Amino acid sequence: MNTVTKLGVFAAGLAVVFGGAYAVGATQNDTMPRRYADYAPADAPEAPAHGGHAHEETGETAPPVPGGLRISQDGYRLRPVTTTLKPGKSLDFAFHVLGPDGKPVTAFQLAHEKKLHLIVAPRDLGGFQHLHPELASDGTWTIPLTLPEPGTYRMYADFAPEGGPAMTLGADLTAPGDFRPDPFPATSRTSTVDGYTVTLQGAMNPGQPSPLSFTVSKDGQPIKELEPYLGAQGHLVALRAGDLAYLHVHPMSGLIFMAQAPREGGSYRLFFDFKHGGTVRTASFTLEG
């Protein structure tokens, strides 16, 4: 089956819906240093369980609140032990996932070989960290974490408790200090990292399932077999500028992903993790949707 046929098959049947994290960004033409805390929003209130609800006035069903927008969902709550980290200094960062009974959850389902995936990104989307913290018997998650520059960062905890639904909860972290946000990167479909060239094909079509595929080469030669990483040949995270709408999905087949962008569209940063030569590398891209 050729690549075009594969994309059509996956586009017909598979979609992954974006989550998001509400954010208020600084304007790119701001010339005076400011603190990220000036832009840090309050977390969105908890929405009803099981997705959307009917509007009383129209009877229409509201779309479900995207994952990562909230700090709590379906009775579960994300609770960082601290939300302030010194920039450039490693900290044994700790957090809990509280259950409906208010106690730390201690049992989680495996997803992509891990019980929890932690994503951390600055609000100007100038960087990305994909981490896998350790779970203690008392329900405390810990991981060495460094916030490299002053600013506000968004953390996403992607998990599924035993007996509960899969979800992504989000919270803001702050590294105190002055900052100048970097301009949002221009649209790009090619990324170079450590001598590897990664090319992206596909588009983020608002409100429609959209296949995305990647090719990896080095020294002009295609790399046909990447090493397994989290049970797949690659890993993709996409964040939308402005509100940080969030997507976390492994490829459906090989290096083909299926994404569904929110209907309102936007600009996206895509972070593609791949493993070769025993090392995991991240290629980044910018797409308009």
Protein backbone atom coordinates (compact mmCIF):
# COMPACT_ATOMS: atom_id res chain seq x y z
CA MET A 1 0.00 0.00 0.00
CA ASN A 2 1.52 3.34 -1.01
CA THR A 3 1.76 6.41 1.25
CA VAL A 4 -1.22 8.21 -0.33
CA THR A 5 -3.45 5.17 0.20
CA LYS A 6 -2.28 4.84 3.78
CA LEU A 7 -3.09 8.47 4.49
CA GLY A 8 -6.55 8.08 3.02
CA VAL A 9 -7.27 5.01 5.14
CA PHE A 10 -6.23 6.72 8.32
CA ALA A 11 -7.99 9.98 7.45
CA ALA A 12 -11.24 8.06 7.04
CA GLY A 13 -11.20 6.42 10.42
CA LEU A 14 -8.89 7.96 12.92
CA ALA A 15 -8.74 11.31 14.65
CA VAL A 16 -7.22 12.69 17.78
CA VAL A 17 -8.90 15.74 19.26
CA PHE A 18 -6.85 18.57 20.54
CA GLY A 19 -6.64 19.56 24.15
CA GLY A 20 -5.57 23.01 25.16
CA ALA A 21 -4.21 25.15 27.88
CA TYR A 22 -5.67 28.63 28.19
CA ALA A 23 -2.94 31.26 27.93
CA VAL A 24 -2.55 34.98 27.46
CA GLY A 25 0.67 35.75 25.60
CA ALA A 26 2.75 38.88 25.40
CA THR A 27 2.74 40.73 22.10
CA GLN A 28 5.79 40.04 19.97
CA ASN A 29 6.55 43.71 19.32
CA ASP A 30 6.79 44.58 23.00
CA THR A 31 10.07 46.36 23.59
CA MET A 32 10.07 46.61 27.40
CA PRO A 33 11.09 43.64 29.58
CA ARG A 34 8.18 42.19 31.52
CA ARG A 35 7.58 39.26 33.81
CA TYR A 36 5.76 36.23 32.52
CA ALA A 37 3.66 36.41 35.67
CA ASP A 38 2.02 39.53 34.20
CA TYR A 39 0.43 37.26 31.61
CA ALA A 40 -0.31 34.17 33.71
CA PRO A 41 -4.06 33.38 33.53
CA ALA A 42 -6.24 31.72 36.10
CA ASP A 43 -7.02 28.10 35.32
CA ALA A 44 -10.36 27.47 33.69
CA PRO A 45 -13.10 26.18 36.01
CA GLU A 46 -13.91 22.51 36.03
CA ALA A 47 -16.37 21.54 33.35
CA PRO A 48 -19.06 18.90 33.74
CA ALA A 49 -17.91 15.31 33.44
CA HIS A 50 -18.45 13.39 30.21
CA GLY A 51 -17.81 16.27 27.84
CA GLY A 52 -20.22 18.93 26.62
CA HIS A 53 -23.72 19.82 27.73
CA ALA A 54 -26.83 21.17 26.03
CA HIS A 55 -27.36 24.92 25.90
CA GLU A 56 -30.67 25.76 27.54
CA GLU A 57 -31.46 28.44 24.96
CA THR A 58 -30.81 26.44 21.79
CA GLY A 59 -30.68 22.80 22.82
CA GLU A 60 -27.35 22.48 20.99
CA THR A 61 -24.60 20.35 22.50
CA ALA A 62 -21.47 22.28 23.48
CA PRO A 63 -18.14 20.76 22.47
CA PRO A 64 -16.24 19.07 25.32
CA VAL A 65 -13.66 21.14 27.14
CA PRO A 66 -10.25 20.20 25.67
CA GLY A 67 -7.70 18.37 27.79
CA GLY A 68 -4.93 20.43 29.37
CA LEU A 69 -7.14 23.50 29.75
CA ARG A 70 -8.16 22.60 33.28
CA ILE A 71 -6.37 21.78 36.48
CA SER A 72 -9.23 19.42 37.46
CA GLN A 73 -11.62 17.09 35.65
CA ASP A 74 -14.10 14.38 36.61
CA GLY A 75 -13.17 14.77 40.28
CA TYR A 76 -9.40 14.46 39.65
CA ARG A 77 -7.07 17.38 40.34
CA LEU A 78 -3.44 18.17 39.51
CA ARG A 79 -1.53 19.57 42.51
CA PRO A 80 2.11 20.66 42.08
CA VAL A 81 4.03 20.80 45.36
CA THR A 82 5.52 24.08 44.15
CA THR A 83 4.83 26.23 41.11
CA THR A 84 7.88 28.51 41.42
CA LEU A 85 11.32 27.34 40.25
CA LYS A 86 14.59 29.24 40.06
CA PRO A 87 15.50 29.71 36.39
CA GLY A 88 18.43 27.62 35.18
CA LYS A 89 18.54 25.48 38.34
CA SER A 90 17.50 21.83 38.51
CA LEU A 91 14.84 21.01 41.10
CA ASP A 92 13.38 17.69 42.15
CA PHE A 93 9.95 18.75 41.00
CA ALA A 94 7.06 16.98 42.71
CA PHE A 95 3.31 16.85 42.18
CA HIS A 96 0.25 14.74 42.96
CA VAL A 97 -2.87 13.71 41.13
CA LEU A 98 -5.71 13.86 43.64
CA GLY A 99 -8.68 11.56 43.20
CA PRO A 100 -12.38 12.21 43.81
CA ASP A 101 -11.79 11.34 47.49
CA GLY A 102 -9.20 14.14 47.76
CA LYS A 103 -6.32 11.70 48.29
CA PRO A 104 -3.31 11.17 45.99
CA VAL A 105 -3.95 8.54 43.33
CA THR A 106 -1.47 5.66 43.52
CA ALA A 107 -2.60 3.38 40.66
CA PHE A 108 -2.41 4.36 36.98
CA GLN A 109 -2.85 2.57 33.66
CA LEU A 110 0.05 2.17 31.27
CA ALA A 111 -0.15 4.31 28.13
CA HIS A 112 2.67 4.20 25.57
CA GLU A 113 4.77 2.23 28.07
CA LYS A 114 4.46 4.87 30.83
CA LYS A 115 1.99 5.59 33.62
CA LEU A 116 2.21 9.35 33.09
CA HIS A 117 3.67 11.67 30.46
CA LEU A 118 4.75 15.14 31.61
CA ILE A 119 5.08 17.88 28.98
CA VAL A 120 6.57 21.28 29.89
CA ALA A 121 6.75 24.24 27.48
CA PRO A 122 7.25 28.01 27.83
CA ARG A 123 4.34 30.17 26.78
CA ASP A 124 6.20 31.60 23.80
CA LEU A 125 6.68 27.97 22.63
CA GLY A 126 10.41 28.48 22.26
CA GLY A 127 11.17 25.08 23.82
CA PHE A 128 9.75 21.73 24.84
CA GLN A 129 10.41 19.00 27.41
CA HIS A 130 8.88 15.51 27.40
CA LEU A 131 9.52 13.85 30.76
CA HIS A 132 8.55 10.68 32.61
CA PRO A 133 8.50 11.18 36.38
CA GLU A 134 8.71 8.40 38.95
CA LEU A 135 5.73 7.46 41.12
CA ALA A 136 6.24 6.78 44.84
CA SER A 137 3.97 4.48 46.84
CA ASP A 138 2.29 7.49 48.48
CA GLY A 139 1.21 8.93 45.13
CA THR A 140 3.99 11.52 44.78
CA TRP A 141 5.40 12.02 41.28
CA THR A 142 8.98 13.38 41.11
CA ILE A 143 11.34 14.34 38.29
CA PRO A 144 14.45 16.56 38.03
CA LEU A 145 13.18 19.66 36.20
CA THR A 146 14.96 22.78 34.95
CA LEU A 147 13.16 25.84 33.63
CA PRO A 148 16.02 27.32 31.58
CA GLU A 149 14.88 30.96 31.38
CA PRO A 150 12.71 33.34 33.43
CA GLY A 151 9.07 33.13 32.48
CA THR A 152 5.83 31.22 32.83
CA TYR A 153 5.64 27.65 31.61
CA ARG A 154 2.75 25.25 31.12
CA MET A 155 2.93 21.73 32.51
CA TYR A 156 0.67 18.98 31.16
CA ALA A 157 0.10 15.71 33.02
CA ASP A 158 -1.23 13.09 30.58
CA PHE A 159 -2.48 9.95 32.38
CA ALA A 160 -5.29 7.49 33.03
CA PRO A 161 -5.98 6.44 36.65
CA GLU A 162 -6.97 2.83 37.27
CA GLY A 163 -10.73 2.65 36.88
CA GLY A 164 -10.91 6.24 35.62
CA PRO A 165 -10.87 8.09 32.29
CA ALA A 166 -7.80 9.15 30.37
CA MET A 167 -7.20 12.88 30.69
CA THR A 168 -4.67 15.69 30.42
CA LEU A 169 -4.55 18.23 33.25
CA GLY A 170 -2.52 21.43 33.13
CA ALA A 171 -1.03 24.03 35.46
CA ASP A 172 1.31 27.02 35.18
CA LEU A 173 4.86 27.07 36.55
CA THR A 174 6.87 30.26 37.06
CA ALA A 175 10.61 30.98 36.92
CA PRO A 176 10.84 34.54 38.35
CA GLY A 177 12.71 37.19 36.40
CA ASP A 178 12.46 39.54 33.45
CA PHE A 179 12.04 38.23 29.94
CA ARG A 180 11.57 39.15 26.30
CA PRO A 181 9.39 36.61 24.49
CA ASP A 182 10.89 35.28 21.29
CA PRO A 183 8.93 35.92 18.08
CA PHE A 184 6.76 32.99 17.09
CA PRO A 185 8.75 30.93 14.57
CA ALA A 186 7.86 31.27 10.91
CA THR A 187 6.09 28.45 9.09
CA SER A 188 8.52 25.59 8.52
CA ARG A 189 8.23 22.00 7.30
CA THR A 190 11.89 21.05 7.61
CA SER A 191 13.90 20.78 10.81
CA THR A 192 17.58 19.97 11.33
CA VAL A 193 18.86 18.52 14.60
CA ASP A 194 22.27 16.91 15.27
CA GLY A 195 22.87 16.39 11.56
CA TYR A 196 19.45 14.78 10.97
CA THR A 197 16.96 16.39 8.59
CA VAL A 198 13.30 15.80 9.33
CA THR A 199 10.59 16.75 6.84
CA LEU A 200 6.89 17.12 7.58
CA GLN A 201 4.11 16.49 5.06
CA GLY A 202 0.46 17.31 5.66
CA ALA A 203 -1.54 20.19 7.09
CA MET A 204 -3.53 21.17 10.17
CA ASN A 205 -7.04 21.50 8.70
CA PRO A 206 -9.38 23.18 11.21
CA GLY A 207 -12.14 20.86 12.35
CA GLN A 208 -11.12 18.01 10.04
CA PRO A 209 -9.03 14.85 10.54
CA SER A 210 -5.65 15.59 9.00
CA PRO A 211 -2.84 13.09 8.32
CA LEU A 212 0.69 14.21 9.14
CA SER A 213 3.74 12.19 8.11
CA PHE A 214 7.48 12.54 8.73
CA THR A 215 10.64 11.42 6.95
CA VAL A 216 14.09 11.36 8.55
CA SER A 217 17.43 11.45 6.75
CA LYS A 218 21.10 11.95 7.59
CA ASP A 219 23.88 13.00 5.22
CA GLY A 220 21.35 12.89 2.41
CA GLN A 221 20.43 9.27 3.06
CA PRO A 222 16.94 8.33 4.28
CA ILE A 223 16.70 6.47 7.57
CA LYS A 224 14.08 3.82 7.03
CA GLU A 225 14.18 2.16 10.44
CA LEU A 226 14.08 4.28 13.57
CA GLU A 227 14.54 2.69 16.98
CA PRO A 228 11.40 2.10 19.03
CA TYR A 229 10.52 4.95 21.37
CA LEU A 230 7.64 4.52 23.81
CA GLY A 231 6.39 1.60 21.79
CA ALA A 232 6.38 3.37 18.43
CA GLN A 233 8.72 4.85 15.81
CA GLY A 234 8.06 8.41 16.89
CA HIS A 235 6.10 10.69 19.16
CA LEU A 236 4.29 13.94 18.36
CA VAL A 237 3.13 16.87 20.49
CA ALA A 238 1.52 19.96 18.96
CA LEU A 239 0.76 23.21 20.82
CA ARG A 240 -1.29 26.06 19.44
CA ALA A 241 -0.03 29.62 19.82
CA GLY A 242 -2.15 31.84 22.05
CA ASP A 243 -4.10 29.26 24.04
CA LEU A 244 -1.65 26.33 23.88
CA ALA A 245 -4.20 23.84 22.58
CA TYR A 246 -2.59 20.45 23.08
CA LEU A 247 -2.20 17.22 21.10
CA HIS A 248 -0.32 14.14 22.29
CA VAL A 249 -0.42 11.09 20.01
CA HIS A 250 1.77 8.32 18.67
CA PRO A 251 1.76 7.40 14.96
CA MET A 252 -1.03 5.26 13.63
CA SER A 253 1.35 3.43 11.29
CA GLY A 254 5.06 4.02 10.88
CA LEU A 255 5.51 7.79 10.97
CA ILE A 256 1.94 8.72 10.08
CA PHE A 257 -0.09 10.67 12.63
CA MET A 258 -3.74 11.67 12.55
CA ALA A 259 -4.66 15.02 14.06
CA GLN A 260 -7.83 17.06 14.28
CA ALA A 261 -7.30 20.76 14.94
CA PRO A 262 -9.98 22.85 16.65
CA ARG A 263 -12.41 24.51 14.25
CA GLU A 264 -11.16 28.01 14.93
CA GLY A 265 -7.67 27.16 13.63
CA GLY A 266 -4.46 28.99 14.51
CA SER A 267 -0.68 28.70 14.41
CA TYR A 268 0.92 25.52 15.76
CA ARG A 269 4.30 24.38 17.01
CA LEU A 270 4.87 20.67 16.44
CA PHE A 271 7.52 18.75 18.38
CA PHE A 272 8.46 15.37 16.92
CA ASP A 273 10.54 12.96 19.04
CA PHE A 274 12.48 10.18 17.31
CA LYS A 275 15.20 7.77 18.41
CA HIS A 276 18.26 6.73 16.41
CA GLY A 277 21.74 5.64 17.48
CA GLY A 278 20.51 5.21 21.04
CA THR A 279 19.56 8.90 21.42
CA VAL A 280 16.15 10.59 21.43
CA ARG A 281 16.08 13.84 19.46
CA THR A 282 13.36 16.43 18.92
CA ALA A 283 12.58 18.15 15.60
CA SER A 284 10.32 21.21 15.70
CA PHE A 285 8.03 22.71 13.07
CA THR A 286 5.51 25.53 12.62
CA LEU A 287 2.24 25.14 10.74
CA GLU A 288 -0.75 27.40 10.11
CA GLY A 289 -4.16 25.80 10.54
